[in-house]
Amino acid sequence: MDMDVLATTVEPEKLKPMLAELINKIQTLEESNKQLQNKYQRLLEQFKLSQRKQFGSSSEKNPAQIGLFDEPGKPLPPEVRAEIDDNITVTYLHTQAQTETKAIARRFAT
C-alpha cells in the first residue's frame, strides 16, 4: 500500500478499500502474534520442565544418606555401620618411567 496515496487522497471511495486492507492486515498480524505468544509459552513451559527434570531433586533418595553430613561424633545407625568397611587398602603403582623421572630429578636437584 502506498502511504503517499493515502495521505493525498480525500475521496472516501478510494480510502474504503485501503482501510479494509489495513484492517485485514491488522487482524492477520494480531492472530499471528497470538499464535507466537502461545508457542512461546509452550516452549517456556517445556524448558522449565526439562530444567526441573535435569537439575531438580532426585527421586532416588537413599535413606542411608540422610545423616551423611551430620556433625562428627554422632554414632551411625547400625544398618549403615554394617555397610561400612573400616579396613581401607591403598596400593600405589609406579611405572618404570615414573621411577626414572624421579631419579633424573634427584640428579639435577643436587
N, C-alpha and C. Protein backbone atom coordinates (compact mmCIF):
# COMPACT_ATOMS: atom_id res chain seq x y z
N MET A 1 0.85 -1.17 0.00
CA MET A 1 0.00 0.00 0.00
C MET A 1 0.90 1.23 0.00
N ASP A 2 0.55 2.18 -0.82
CA ASP A 2 1.34 3.40 -0.94
C ASP A 2 0.82 4.43 0.05
N MET A 3 1.65 4.81 1.03
CA MET A 3 1.25 5.75 2.07
C MET A 3 1.08 7.16 1.51
N ASP A 4 1.81 7.49 0.44
CA ASP A 4 1.67 8.81 -0.16
C ASP A 4 0.27 8.99 -0.74
N VAL A 5 -0.24 7.92 -1.36
CA VAL A 5 -1.60 7.97 -1.91
C VAL A 5 -2.60 8.15 -0.78
N LEU A 6 -2.38 7.45 0.31
CA LEU A 6 -3.28 7.55 1.46
C LEU A 6 -3.28 8.97 2.03
N ALA A 7 -2.14 9.60 2.09
CA ALA A 7 -2.03 10.95 2.65
C ALA A 7 -2.63 12.00 1.73
N THR A 8 -2.59 11.80 0.44
CA THR A 8 -3.07 12.81 -0.51
C THR A 8 -4.50 12.58 -0.97
N THR A 9 -5.09 11.42 -0.69
CA THR A 9 -6.43 11.11 -1.16
C THR A 9 -7.46 11.60 -0.16
N VAL A 10 -8.46 12.30 -0.68
CA VAL A 10 -9.54 12.78 0.17
C VAL A 10 -10.87 12.16 -0.23
N GLU A 11 -10.87 11.36 -1.25
CA GLU A 11 -12.11 10.74 -1.72
C GLU A 11 -12.38 9.49 -0.90
N PRO A 12 -13.54 9.40 -0.25
CA PRO A 12 -13.87 8.25 0.59
C PRO A 12 -13.91 6.92 -0.16
N GLU A 13 -14.30 6.96 -1.43
CA GLU A 13 -14.39 5.72 -2.20
C GLU A 13 -13.01 5.08 -2.39
N LYS A 14 -11.99 5.90 -2.49
CA LYS A 14 -10.63 5.37 -2.64
C LYS A 14 -10.04 4.93 -1.29
N LEU A 15 -10.50 5.56 -0.20
CA LEU A 15 -9.97 5.23 1.12
C LEU A 15 -10.57 3.95 1.69
N LYS A 16 -11.82 3.63 1.32
CA LYS A 16 -12.51 2.46 1.87
C LYS A 16 -11.75 1.16 1.58
N PRO A 17 -11.31 0.89 0.34
CA PRO A 17 -10.57 -0.35 0.11
C PRO A 17 -9.22 -0.38 0.84
N MET A 18 -8.58 0.79 0.95
CA MET A 18 -7.32 0.86 1.66
C MET A 18 -7.54 0.57 3.15
N LEU A 19 -8.61 1.15 3.68
CA LEU A 19 -8.93 0.92 5.09
C LEU A 19 -9.26 -0.55 5.34
N ALA A 20 -10.02 -1.17 4.46
CA ALA A 20 -10.36 -2.58 4.59
C ALA A 20 -9.10 -3.45 4.54
N GLU A 21 -8.18 -3.08 3.65
CA GLU A 21 -6.93 -3.83 3.55
C GLU A 21 -6.10 -3.68 4.83
N LEU A 22 -6.06 -2.49 5.37
CA LEU A 22 -5.32 -2.26 6.62
C LEU A 22 -5.95 -3.02 7.79
N ILE A 23 -7.26 -3.00 7.87
CA ILE A 23 -7.94 -3.74 8.94
C ILE A 23 -7.67 -5.23 8.83
N ASN A 24 -7.72 -5.75 7.60
CA ASN A 24 -7.44 -7.17 7.37
C ASN A 24 -6.01 -7.50 7.77
N LYS A 25 -5.08 -6.63 7.43
CA LYS A 25 -3.67 -6.85 7.78
C LYS A 25 -3.48 -6.82 9.30
N ILE A 26 -4.12 -5.91 10.00
CA ILE A 26 -4.04 -5.83 11.46
C ILE A 26 -4.57 -7.11 12.09
N GLN A 27 -5.72 -7.59 11.60
CA GLN A 27 -6.29 -8.83 12.15
C GLN A 27 -5.36 -10.01 11.92
N THR A 28 -4.76 -10.08 10.74
CA THR A 28 -3.82 -11.17 10.44
C THR A 28 -2.61 -11.11 11.36
N LEU A 29 -2.08 -9.90 11.56
CA LEU A 29 -0.91 -9.75 12.44
C LEU A 29 -1.26 -10.05 13.90
N GLU A 30 -2.45 -9.66 14.34
CA GLU A 30 -2.86 -9.96 15.71
C GLU A 30 -2.99 -11.46 15.92
N GLU A 31 -3.57 -12.15 14.93
CA GLU A 31 -3.70 -13.61 15.04
C GLU A 31 -2.33 -14.28 15.05
N SER A 32 -1.43 -13.80 14.19
CA SER A 32 -0.06 -14.34 14.16
C SER A 32 0.64 -14.09 15.48
N ASN A 33 0.46 -12.91 16.03
CA ASN A 33 1.06 -12.56 17.31
C ASN A 33 0.54 -13.48 18.41
N LYS A 34 -0.74 -13.74 18.43
CA LYS A 34 -1.34 -14.61 19.43
C LYS A 34 -0.78 -16.04 19.32
N GLN A 35 -0.63 -16.53 18.08
CA GLN A 35 -0.07 -17.87 17.88
C GLN A 35 1.38 -17.94 18.37
N LEU A 36 2.15 -16.90 18.08
CA LEU A 36 3.54 -16.87 18.52
C LEU A 36 3.65 -16.79 20.04
N GLN A 37 2.77 -16.04 20.67
CA GLN A 37 2.77 -15.96 22.13
C GLN A 37 2.43 -17.33 22.74
N ASN A 38 1.46 -18.03 22.16
CA ASN A 38 1.12 -19.38 22.65
C ASN A 38 2.28 -20.34 22.48
N LYS A 39 2.94 -20.26 21.33
CA LYS A 39 4.10 -21.13 21.07
C LYS A 39 5.21 -20.81 22.07
N TYR A 40 5.46 -19.54 22.33
CA TYR A 40 6.47 -19.13 23.29
C TYR A 40 6.16 -19.69 24.68
N GLN A 41 4.90 -19.59 25.11
CA GLN A 41 4.52 -20.10 26.42
C GLN A 41 4.72 -21.61 26.51
N ARG A 42 4.37 -22.35 25.44
CA ARG A 42 4.58 -23.81 25.43
C ARG A 42 6.07 -24.15 25.53
N LEU A 43 6.89 -23.43 24.75
CA LEU A 43 8.33 -23.70 24.78
C LEU A 43 8.94 -23.33 26.13
N LEU A 44 8.48 -22.25 26.72
CA LEU A 44 8.97 -21.85 28.04
C LEU A 44 8.60 -22.89 29.08
N GLU A 45 7.39 -23.42 29.01
CA GLU A 45 6.96 -24.46 29.95
C GLU A 45 7.77 -25.74 29.76
N GLN A 46 8.03 -26.11 28.50
CA GLN A 46 8.86 -27.29 28.23
C GLN A 46 10.27 -27.09 28.77
N PHE A 47 10.82 -25.90 28.60
CA PHE A 47 12.16 -25.61 29.10
C PHE A 47 12.20 -25.71 30.62
N LYS A 48 11.23 -25.11 31.29
CA LYS A 48 11.19 -25.18 32.76
C LYS A 48 11.06 -26.62 33.23
N LEU A 49 10.23 -27.40 32.54
CA LEU A 49 10.06 -28.81 32.92
C LEU A 49 11.35 -29.59 32.73
N SER A 50 12.06 -29.34 31.63
CA SER A 50 13.32 -30.07 31.41
C SER A 50 14.37 -29.64 32.42
N GLN A 51 14.39 -28.37 32.80
CA GLN A 51 15.33 -27.91 33.82
C GLN A 51 15.03 -28.57 35.17
N ARG A 52 13.75 -28.65 35.51
CA ARG A 52 13.36 -29.29 36.76
C ARG A 52 13.73 -30.77 36.74
N LYS A 53 13.53 -31.40 35.58
CA LYS A 53 13.85 -32.83 35.46
C LYS A 53 15.36 -33.06 35.56
N GLN A 54 16.14 -32.18 34.94
CA GLN A 54 17.59 -32.35 34.91
C GLN A 54 18.25 -31.94 36.22
N PHE A 55 17.82 -30.84 36.82
CA PHE A 55 18.51 -30.30 37.97
C PHE A 55 17.69 -30.35 39.26
N GLY A 56 16.45 -30.84 39.20
CA GLY A 56 15.60 -30.89 40.38
C GLY A 56 16.03 -31.98 41.34
N SER A 57 15.30 -32.08 42.43
CA SER A 57 15.64 -33.09 43.42
C SER A 57 15.40 -34.48 42.84
N SER A 58 16.25 -35.39 43.20
CA SER A 58 16.20 -36.74 42.66
C SER A 58 15.18 -37.59 43.40
N SER A 59 14.54 -38.48 42.66
CA SER A 59 13.58 -39.38 43.30
C SER A 59 14.29 -40.60 43.88
N GLU A 60 15.57 -40.75 43.58
CA GLU A 60 16.34 -41.89 44.07
C GLU A 60 17.08 -41.49 45.34
N LYS A 61 16.36 -41.34 46.41
CA LYS A 61 16.99 -40.94 47.67
C LYS A 61 17.28 -42.18 48.50
N ASN A 62 18.48 -42.23 49.01
CA ASN A 62 18.92 -43.36 49.81
C ASN A 62 18.76 -42.99 51.29
N PRO A 63 18.04 -43.79 52.07
CA PRO A 63 17.87 -43.45 53.48
C PRO A 63 19.18 -43.41 54.25
N ALA A 64 20.20 -44.11 53.77
CA ALA A 64 21.49 -44.10 54.45
C ALA A 64 22.20 -42.75 54.30
N GLN A 65 21.78 -41.95 53.32
CA GLN A 65 22.43 -40.67 53.08
C GLN A 65 21.80 -39.53 53.87
N ILE A 66 20.75 -39.79 54.58
CA ILE A 66 20.06 -38.72 55.30
C ILE A 66 21.01 -38.04 56.28
N GLY A 67 21.76 -38.81 57.04
CA GLY A 67 22.66 -38.23 58.03
C GLY A 67 24.09 -38.13 57.53
N LEU A 68 24.29 -38.11 56.24
CA LEU A 68 25.63 -38.14 55.67
C LEU A 68 26.46 -36.94 56.11
N PHE A 69 25.86 -35.78 56.25
CA PHE A 69 26.60 -34.59 56.60
C PHE A 69 26.29 -34.13 58.02
N ASP A 70 25.92 -35.06 58.88
CA ASP A 70 25.70 -34.72 60.28
C ASP A 70 27.04 -34.37 60.93
N GLU A 71 26.95 -33.78 62.08
CA GLU A 71 28.16 -33.39 62.79
C GLU A 71 28.95 -34.62 63.21
N PRO A 72 30.28 -34.53 63.21
CA PRO A 72 31.09 -35.68 63.62
C PRO A 72 30.88 -36.00 65.10
N GLY A 73 31.06 -37.24 65.42
CA GLY A 73 30.93 -37.67 66.80
C GLY A 73 29.59 -38.34 67.08
N LYS A 74 28.63 -38.14 66.20
CA LYS A 74 27.35 -38.80 66.40
C LYS A 74 27.46 -40.23 65.86
N PRO A 75 26.96 -41.20 66.58
CA PRO A 75 27.06 -42.58 66.11
C PRO A 75 26.17 -42.82 64.90
N LEU A 76 26.66 -43.69 64.01
CA LEU A 76 25.90 -44.04 62.82
C LEU A 76 24.86 -45.10 63.18
N PRO A 77 23.75 -45.12 62.45
CA PRO A 77 22.77 -46.18 62.68
C PRO A 77 23.40 -47.54 62.37
N PRO A 78 22.96 -48.60 63.05
CA PRO A 78 23.58 -49.92 62.87
C PRO A 78 23.53 -50.43 61.43
N GLU A 79 22.44 -50.16 60.70
CA GLU A 79 22.36 -50.66 59.32
C GLU A 79 23.37 -49.97 58.41
N VAL A 80 23.69 -48.72 58.70
CA VAL A 80 24.70 -48.00 57.93
C VAL A 80 26.08 -48.46 58.35
N ARG A 81 26.28 -48.63 59.64
CA ARG A 81 27.57 -49.05 60.17
C ARG A 81 27.96 -50.41 59.62
N ALA A 82 26.98 -51.30 59.42
CA ALA A 82 27.26 -52.64 58.91
C ALA A 82 27.78 -52.59 57.47
N GLU A 83 27.38 -51.57 56.71
CA GLU A 83 27.80 -51.47 55.31
C GLU A 83 29.19 -50.87 55.15
N ILE A 84 29.69 -50.22 56.18
CA ILE A 84 30.99 -49.54 56.08
C ILE A 84 32.12 -50.52 56.35
N ASP A 85 33.10 -50.52 55.48
CA ASP A 85 34.28 -51.34 55.67
C ASP A 85 35.39 -50.42 56.18
N ASP A 86 35.79 -50.62 57.45
CA ASP A 86 36.78 -49.74 58.06
C ASP A 86 38.20 -50.02 57.56
N ASN A 87 38.43 -51.16 57.00
CA ASN A 87 39.76 -51.50 56.51
C ASN A 87 39.91 -50.98 55.08
N ILE A 88 40.74 -49.99 54.93
CA ILE A 88 40.97 -49.40 53.62
C ILE A 88 42.39 -49.73 53.21
N THR A 89 42.54 -50.24 52.01
CA THR A 89 43.84 -50.61 51.49
C THR A 89 44.17 -49.67 50.34
N VAL A 90 45.33 -49.06 50.40
CA VAL A 90 45.78 -48.16 49.34
C VAL A 90 46.99 -48.81 48.68
N THR A 91 46.94 -48.94 47.40
CA THR A 91 48.03 -49.54 46.65
C THR A 91 48.53 -48.52 45.64
N TYR A 92 49.84 -48.27 45.65
CA TYR A 92 50.43 -47.34 44.72
C TYR A 92 51.14 -48.13 43.63
N LEU A 93 50.88 -47.78 42.43
CA LEU A 93 51.53 -48.42 41.31
C LEU A 93 52.45 -47.40 40.64
N HIS A 94 53.72 -47.74 40.53
CA HIS A 94 54.67 -46.85 39.86
C HIS A 94 55.17 -47.56 38.62
N THR A 95 55.17 -46.84 37.57
CA THR A 95 55.73 -47.41 36.34
C THR A 95 57.22 -47.11 36.31
N GLN A 96 57.91 -47.77 35.45
CA GLN A 96 59.35 -47.58 35.36
C GLN A 96 59.67 -46.16 34.90
N ALA A 97 58.80 -45.60 34.06
CA ALA A 97 59.03 -44.23 33.59
C ALA A 97 58.96 -43.25 34.74
N GLN A 98 58.04 -43.45 35.66
CA GLN A 98 57.93 -42.56 36.81
C GLN A 98 59.17 -42.67 37.69
N THR A 99 59.66 -43.89 37.88
CA THR A 99 60.85 -44.10 38.70
C THR A 99 62.06 -43.44 38.05
N GLU A 100 62.21 -43.58 36.74
CA GLU A 100 63.33 -42.95 36.03
C GLU A 100 63.23 -41.43 36.10
N THR A 101 62.05 -40.89 35.99
CA THR A 101 61.86 -39.44 36.08
C THR A 101 62.27 -38.92 37.44
N LYS A 102 61.92 -39.66 38.50
CA LYS A 102 62.31 -39.25 39.84
C LYS A 102 63.82 -39.30 40.01
N ALA A 103 64.48 -40.33 39.43
CA ALA A 103 65.93 -40.46 39.53
C ALA A 103 66.62 -39.29 38.81
N ILE A 104 66.10 -38.91 37.66
CA ILE A 104 66.67 -37.78 36.92
C ILE A 104 66.48 -36.49 37.71
N ALA A 105 65.33 -36.33 38.30
CA ALA A 105 65.05 -35.12 39.08
C ALA A 105 65.99 -35.03 40.27
N ARG A 106 66.31 -36.15 40.90
CA ARG A 106 67.23 -36.16 42.04
C ARG A 106 68.64 -35.77 41.60
N ARG A 107 69.04 -36.20 40.43
CA ARG A 107 70.37 -35.87 39.93
C ARG A 107 70.52 -34.36 39.73
N PHE A 108 69.47 -33.72 39.20
CA PHE A 108 69.54 -32.29 38.94
C PHE A 108 69.34 -31.47 40.19
N ALA A 109 68.74 -32.04 41.21
CA ALA A 109 68.48 -31.32 42.45
C ALA A 109 69.77 -31.13 43.24
N THR A 110 70.74 -31.99 43.06
CA THR A 110 71.98 -31.86 43.84
C THR A 110 73.04 -31.12 43.11
